[in-house]
Amino acid sequence: MASRTAQNRVNELNEAGVNTNRFVFNLPDGLSAGSSVTIDVNNGQAVNTATGEAITVENVVQSGYIKNNNLHRRWVMVQMFRMLNSGNYSKYLRNNYSYMYQFKMIENELNVLAHMEQRDPDAFQVRKRFFTKKVVYALFVDYLHKVNKLLASLKTHYKHEDNRRREYVTIPRYGHIYTDKIDGRIRIPLQNMLVRINRCSTFRELYNLVYNFNHQKKVRLPDDTSKCQDWVSAFKGSGAYYTMQNMINFHNVFVIDDVGNILRGDDAMAYVDSKLDEYEGEGWRYLGMLKKVINDNNFTFGS
């Protein structure tokens, strides 16, 4: 039996005639035992052993997405407890994640949602509640406002070019730009971005917009710029939700409902899910629920 390493699995796929150059294997830090995806290939037929479902090779080649609802995003729990164990969640988020991190993170999230929207509707119904089109729009409104604030604070300089005196500013991590070019190169594209976001009807369209934005020249705000509050709320809510999901499914914690009942397993998860509508757009409330679950169970995870 071949060694079950990631490279050997890639070799097996290549030998079966599957071009793996289009695949990205992302194994995040903190992936725990029981949180792996295994792909067996026999005569060109791939099987997801986490679910027992056959995988159509052509489908995987086209999308790079393999459904596995048993993972429950366990690395999110590691990230969440690292932040909670710091003693100040908000301070940790502010000091360890830059302002521009929001755009890279949301690009990755939208990419997953775009795949789920087409291929994994059950998981999609939950995950779409956090980083919504409204959050994407709010993030770019926040960015445009803070870019304008930065531009207004810059000192103007002058130089002679083509027999005329021209005014310019130097934007940190961007470079020199003539002031009469700022609207066309910076402000108007961002205003157009807001219009395009509003017109999006799928997460694939949203992803394409954010991907293109992230891979072009842009004003990079200082790392310590305060983050968009809608993004922060979604970040807190998503992290808290999936952390509770893992605590319930893998650590046998209980949840106390609104009338004092102690719930475990599927009942506990059903109660957490019952708050999806009520807490939508208010992710901090899921973070509050998570903290209560931790305290009620005297639960510790690292230190």
Protein backbone atom coordinates (compact mmCIF):
# COMPACT_ATOMS: atom_id res chain seq x y z
CA MET A 1 0.00 0.00 0.00
CA ALA A 2 1.42 3.36 -0.98
CA SER A 3 2.36 5.87 1.71
CA ARG A 4 -0.63 8.14 2.27
CA THR A 5 1.15 11.46 1.85
CA ALA A 6 -0.24 14.44 -0.03
CA GLN A 7 2.47 14.07 -2.69
CA ASN A 8 1.66 10.40 -3.25
CA ARG A 9 -2.00 11.26 -3.67
CA VAL A 10 -1.06 13.89 -6.24
CA ASN A 11 1.08 11.28 -8.03
CA GLU A 12 -1.85 8.84 -8.04
CA LEU A 13 -4.10 11.45 -9.61
CA ASN A 14 -1.47 12.26 -12.25
CA GLU A 15 -1.04 8.57 -13.06
CA ALA A 16 -4.82 8.30 -13.45
CA GLY A 17 -4.68 11.01 -16.09
CA VAL A 18 -5.85 13.91 -13.90
CA ASN A 19 -3.87 17.12 -14.37
CA THR A 20 -3.26 18.32 -10.82
CA ASN A 21 -1.67 21.60 -11.82
CA ARG A 22 -5.08 23.25 -11.43
CA PHE A 23 -5.51 22.04 -7.84
CA VAL A 24 -4.59 23.96 -4.71
CA PHE A 25 -4.18 21.83 -1.59
CA ASN A 26 -4.59 24.22 1.31
CA LEU A 27 -3.84 22.54 4.65
CA PRO A 28 -4.19 25.30 7.26
CA ASP A 29 -2.24 25.46 10.51
CA GLY A 30 -3.92 23.65 13.37
CA LEU A 31 -5.67 21.00 11.29
CA SER A 32 -6.52 18.37 13.88
CA ALA A 33 -6.73 14.61 13.74
CA GLY A 34 -9.99 13.55 12.16
CA SER A 35 -10.04 16.63 9.95
CA SER A 36 -8.47 15.28 6.78
CA VAL A 37 -9.68 14.70 3.25
CA THR A 38 -8.53 11.49 1.59
CA ILE A 39 -8.89 10.81 -2.11
CA ASP A 40 -8.50 7.26 -3.40
CA VAL A 41 -8.11 6.73 -7.12
CA ASN A 42 -8.86 3.38 -8.74
CA ASN A 43 -8.85 3.13 -12.52
CA GLY A 44 -9.59 6.84 -12.79
CA GLN A 45 -12.51 6.82 -10.30
CA ALA A 46 -11.98 9.15 -7.35
CA VAL A 47 -13.81 8.61 -4.07
CA ASN A 48 -14.04 11.08 -1.19
CA THR A 49 -13.52 8.71 1.74
CA ALA A 50 -14.72 11.34 4.20
CA THR A 51 -18.22 11.10 2.74
CA GLY A 52 -18.12 7.86 0.77
CA GLU A 53 -19.35 9.71 -2.30
CA ALA A 54 -17.92 9.14 -5.76
CA ILE A 55 -16.25 12.17 -7.30
CA THR A 56 -16.64 12.93 -10.97
CA VAL A 57 -13.08 13.63 -12.06
CA GLU A 58 -14.14 16.10 -14.75
CA ASN A 59 -16.14 18.03 -12.18
CA VAL A 60 -13.20 18.27 -9.76
CA VAL A 61 -10.79 19.25 -12.52
CA GLN A 62 -13.09 22.10 -13.53
CA SER A 63 -13.83 23.43 -10.06
CA GLY A 64 -11.06 22.27 -7.72
CA TYR A 65 -13.81 21.82 -5.09
CA ILE A 66 -14.38 18.61 -3.12
CA LYS A 67 -17.43 18.49 -0.88
CA ASN A 68 -16.68 17.42 2.69
CA ASN A 69 -19.15 18.50 5.37
CA ASN A 70 -17.28 16.52 8.04
CA LEU A 71 -14.38 18.97 8.32
CA HIS A 72 -16.40 21.67 10.11
CA ARG A 73 -13.57 24.18 9.52
CA ARG A 74 -11.64 22.95 12.57
CA TRP A 75 -8.74 25.34 11.94
CA VAL A 76 -11.17 28.21 12.67
CA MET A 77 -11.48 26.90 16.23
CA VAL A 78 -7.70 27.04 16.65
CA GLN A 79 -7.64 30.61 15.36
CA MET A 80 -10.55 31.64 17.58
CA PHE A 81 -9.04 30.26 20.77
CA ARG A 82 -5.68 31.81 19.97
CA MET A 83 -7.44 35.16 19.85
CA LEU A 84 -9.55 34.55 22.94
CA ASN A 85 -6.57 33.26 24.93
CA SER A 86 -4.71 36.48 24.16
CA GLY A 87 -6.88 38.14 26.80
CA ASN A 88 -8.32 40.76 24.45
CA TYR A 89 -9.96 39.50 21.27
CA SER A 90 -10.45 42.94 19.70
CA LYS A 91 -6.90 44.04 20.45
CA TYR A 92 -5.51 40.81 18.96
CA LEU A 93 -7.57 41.31 15.81
CA ARG A 94 -6.39 44.91 15.55
CA ASN A 95 -2.70 44.16 16.15
CA ASN A 96 -2.27 40.92 14.20
CA TYR A 97 -4.44 41.47 11.11
CA SER A 98 -3.85 44.50 8.91
CA TYR A 99 -6.55 46.59 7.30
CA MET A 100 -5.77 45.16 3.85
CA TYR A 101 -6.05 41.61 5.26
CA GLN A 102 -9.81 42.09 5.06
CA PHE A 103 -9.69 42.03 1.26
CA LYS A 104 -7.52 38.93 0.95
CA MET A 105 -9.61 37.09 3.51
CA ILE A 106 -12.91 38.02 1.86
CA GLU A 107 -11.56 37.01 -1.56
CA ASN A 108 -10.84 33.52 -0.21
CA GLU A 109 -14.23 33.32 1.51
CA LEU A 110 -16.11 34.42 -1.62
CA ASN A 111 -14.25 31.82 -3.66
CA VAL A 112 -15.44 29.06 -1.32
CA LEU A 113 -18.98 30.45 -1.32
CA ALA A 114 -18.99 30.59 -5.12
CA HIS A 115 -18.18 26.87 -5.26
CA MET A 116 -20.68 26.02 -2.52
CA GLU A 117 -23.43 27.99 -4.21
CA GLN A 118 -23.23 25.63 -7.18
CA ARG A 119 -22.10 22.35 -5.61
CA ASP A 120 -22.89 22.19 -1.88
CA PRO A 121 -26.25 23.91 -1.21
CA ASP A 122 -26.70 22.63 2.36
CA ALA A 123 -23.38 23.99 3.64
CA PHE A 124 -23.89 27.12 1.54
CA GLN A 125 -27.14 28.01 3.33
CA VAL A 126 -25.25 28.43 6.60
CA ARG A 127 -21.95 29.87 5.44
CA LYS A 128 -23.53 32.56 3.25
CA ARG A 129 -25.02 34.20 6.37
CA PHE A 130 -21.77 35.83 7.43
CA PHE A 131 -19.79 37.39 4.57
CA THR A 132 -22.73 38.62 2.54
CA LYS A 133 -22.95 41.02 -0.39
CA LYS A 134 -23.90 43.68 2.15
CA VAL A 135 -20.62 43.09 4.00
CA VAL A 136 -18.61 43.29 0.77
CA TYR A 137 -20.33 46.55 -0.14
CA ALA A 138 -19.77 47.99 3.36
CA LEU A 139 -16.08 47.05 3.20
CA PHE A 140 -15.55 49.00 -0.02
CA VAL A 141 -17.55 51.98 1.26
CA ASP A 142 -15.32 51.98 4.33
CA TYR A 143 -12.21 51.68 2.18
CA LEU A 144 -13.23 54.55 -0.12
CA HIS A 145 -13.97 56.79 2.87
CA LYS A 146 -10.60 56.08 4.47
CA VAL A 147 -8.72 56.44 1.17
CA ASN A 148 -10.29 59.88 0.75
CA LYS A 149 -9.30 60.75 4.30
CA LEU A 150 -5.71 59.66 3.61
CA LEU A 151 -5.55 61.64 0.36
CA ALA A 152 -6.80 64.77 2.11
CA SER A 153 -4.00 64.49 4.65
CA LEU A 154 -1.15 64.34 2.12
CA LYS A 155 1.13 67.27 1.46
CA THR A 156 1.15 68.51 -2.11
CA HIS A 157 4.33 69.01 -4.11
CA TYR A 158 5.07 70.64 -7.45
CA LYS A 159 7.24 69.83 -10.41
CA HIS A 160 7.75 71.27 -13.87
CA GLU A 161 6.93 68.96 -16.73
CA ASP A 162 6.18 69.68 -20.38
CA ASN A 163 6.65 73.40 -19.73
CA ARG A 164 3.98 73.48 -17.03
CA ARG A 165 3.83 73.34 -13.27
CA ARG A 166 2.11 70.19 -12.03
CA GLU A 167 0.83 69.30 -8.57
CA TYR A 168 1.35 65.81 -7.14
CA VAL A 169 1.23 63.87 -3.90
CA THR A 170 3.14 60.85 -2.67
CA ILE A 171 0.89 58.08 -1.40
CA PRO A 172 2.66 55.65 0.97
CA ARG A 173 3.12 52.19 -0.61
CA TYR A 174 1.62 53.53 -3.85
CA GLY A 175 3.96 56.21 -5.14
CA HIS A 176 3.66 59.63 -6.79
CA ILE A 177 0.46 60.62 -8.52
CA TYR A 178 -0.56 63.92 -10.07
CA THR A 179 -3.54 65.37 -8.25
CA ASP A 180 -5.49 65.75 -11.48
CA LYS A 181 -5.18 61.96 -11.99
CA ILE A 182 -6.49 60.93 -8.55
CA ASP A 183 -10.17 60.86 -9.52
CA GLY A 184 -9.63 58.83 -12.68
CA ARG A 185 -7.21 56.32 -11.19
CA ILE A 186 -8.43 55.95 -7.61
CA ARG A 187 -11.80 57.48 -6.70
CA ILE A 188 -13.90 56.75 -9.79
CA PRO A 189 -12.81 53.07 -10.06
CA LEU A 190 -13.82 52.59 -6.42
CA GLN A 191 -17.17 54.30 -6.99
CA ASN A 192 -17.72 52.06 -10.00
CA MET A 193 -16.81 49.07 -7.84
CA LEU A 194 -19.71 49.89 -5.52
CA VAL A 195 -22.11 50.00 -8.46
CA ARG A 196 -20.85 46.63 -9.73
CA ILE A 197 -21.16 45.03 -6.29
CA ASN A 198 -24.80 46.10 -6.09
CA ARG A 199 -25.44 44.50 -9.47
CA CYS A 200 -23.99 41.12 -8.48
CA SER A 201 -26.50 38.29 -8.21
CA THR A 202 -24.11 35.43 -7.39
CA PHE A 203 -21.09 34.89 -5.18
CA ARG A 204 -19.05 34.00 -8.27
CA GLU A 205 -19.64 37.53 -9.58
CA LEU A 206 -18.66 39.01 -6.21
CA TYR A 207 -15.53 36.87 -6.09
CA ASN A 208 -14.46 37.96 -9.58
CA LEU A 209 -14.78 41.62 -8.61
CA VAL A 210 -12.79 41.27 -5.40
CA TYR A 211 -10.16 39.06 -7.08
CA ASN A 212 -9.58 41.67 -9.78
CA PHE A 213 -9.37 44.44 -7.18
CA ASN A 214 -6.82 42.50 -5.11
CA HIS A 215 -4.60 41.85 -8.12
CA GLN A 216 -4.27 45.40 -9.36
CA LYS A 217 -2.44 48.47 -8.09
CA LYS A 218 -4.29 50.11 -5.24
CA VAL A 219 -3.88 52.42 -2.28
CA ARG A 220 -2.74 50.26 0.62
CA LEU A 221 -3.94 51.84 3.84
CA PRO A 222 -1.69 51.70 6.93
CA ASP A 223 -1.83 48.35 8.72
CA ASP A 224 -3.27 49.87 11.90
CA THR A 225 -6.20 51.57 10.13
CA SER A 226 -9.41 50.67 11.95
CA LYS A 227 -11.26 47.89 10.16
CA CYS A 228 -14.74 47.96 8.64
CA GLN A 229 -17.21 47.20 11.44
CA ASP A 230 -19.44 45.09 9.19
CA TRP A 231 -16.44 42.94 8.27
CA VAL A 232 -15.41 42.64 11.93
CA SER A 233 -18.93 41.55 12.88
CA ALA A 234 -18.96 38.89 10.14
CA PHE A 235 -15.48 37.71 11.16
CA LYS A 236 -16.57 37.35 14.79
CA GLY A 237 -19.84 35.62 13.90
CA SER A 238 -18.32 33.14 11.48
CA GLY A 239 -15.46 32.26 13.82
CA ALA A 240 -17.76 31.85 16.82
CA TYR A 241 -20.35 29.78 14.93
CA TYR A 242 -17.86 27.25 13.55
CA THR A 243 -16.01 27.08 16.87
CA MET A 244 -19.25 26.15 18.65
CA GLN A 245 -20.00 23.62 15.92
CA ASN A 246 -16.69 21.91 16.59
CA MET A 247 -17.04 22.08 20.38
CA ILE A 248 -20.48 20.43 20.13
CA ASN A 249 -19.49 17.77 17.59
CA PHE A 250 -16.02 16.85 18.81
CA HIS A 251 -15.72 17.97 22.44
CA ASN A 252 -19.13 16.99 23.86
CA VAL A 253 -19.95 20.44 25.23
CA PHE A 254 -23.49 21.40 26.14
CA VAL A 255 -25.46 24.54 25.31
CA ILE A 256 -28.06 26.13 27.58
CA ASP A 257 -31.03 27.46 25.62
CA ASP A 258 -33.21 30.52 26.32
CA VAL A 259 -35.34 28.74 28.91
CA GLY A 260 -32.52 26.95 30.73
CA ASN A 261 -32.58 23.55 29.03
CA ILE A 262 -29.22 21.80 28.73
CA LEU A 263 -28.74 20.64 25.14
CA ARG A 264 -26.11 18.35 23.61
CA GLY A 265 -25.29 17.00 20.18
CA ASP A 266 -27.84 17.60 17.44
CA ASP A 267 -30.16 19.47 19.81
CA ALA A 268 -27.39 21.86 20.81
CA MET A 269 -26.45 22.47 17.17
CA ALA A 270 -30.10 23.00 16.25
CA TYR A 271 -30.29 25.72 18.91
CA VAL A 272 -27.15 27.42 17.57
CA ASP A 273 -28.59 27.24 14.05
CA SER A 274 -31.90 28.68 15.25
CA LYS A 275 -30.11 31.98 15.87
CA LEU A 276 -28.82 32.35 12.29
CA ASP A 277 -31.69 34.62 11.24
CA GLU A 278 -31.80 36.58 14.48
CA TYR A 279 -28.04 37.18 14.59
CA GLU A 280 -27.52 37.89 10.87
CA GLY A 281 -25.44 41.06 10.56
CA GLU A 282 -24.70 40.96 14.30
CA GLY A 283 -21.90 38.44 14.53
CA TRP A 284 -20.80 39.80 17.90
CA ARG A 285 -23.87 38.08 19.38
CA TYR A 286 -22.52 34.67 18.30
CA LEU A 287 -19.21 35.60 19.92
CA GLY A 288 -21.13 36.35 23.13
CA MET A 289 -22.86 32.96 22.88
CA LEU A 290 -19.49 31.25 22.38
CA LYS A 291 -18.03 32.90 25.48
CA LYS A 292 -21.05 31.74 27.50
CA VAL A 293 -20.69 28.16 26.21
CA ILE A 294 -17.00 28.22 27.19
CA ASN A 295 -17.81 29.48 30.68
CA ASP A 296 -20.75 27.12 31.22
CA ASN A 297 -18.59 24.11 30.29
CA ASN A 298 -15.41 25.38 32.00
CA PHE A 299 -13.85 24.63 28.63
CA THR A 300 -10.16 25.24 27.96
CA PHE A 301 -8.30 25.02 24.67
CA GLY A 302 -4.58 25.75 24.96
CA SER A 303 -3.31 28.66 26.98
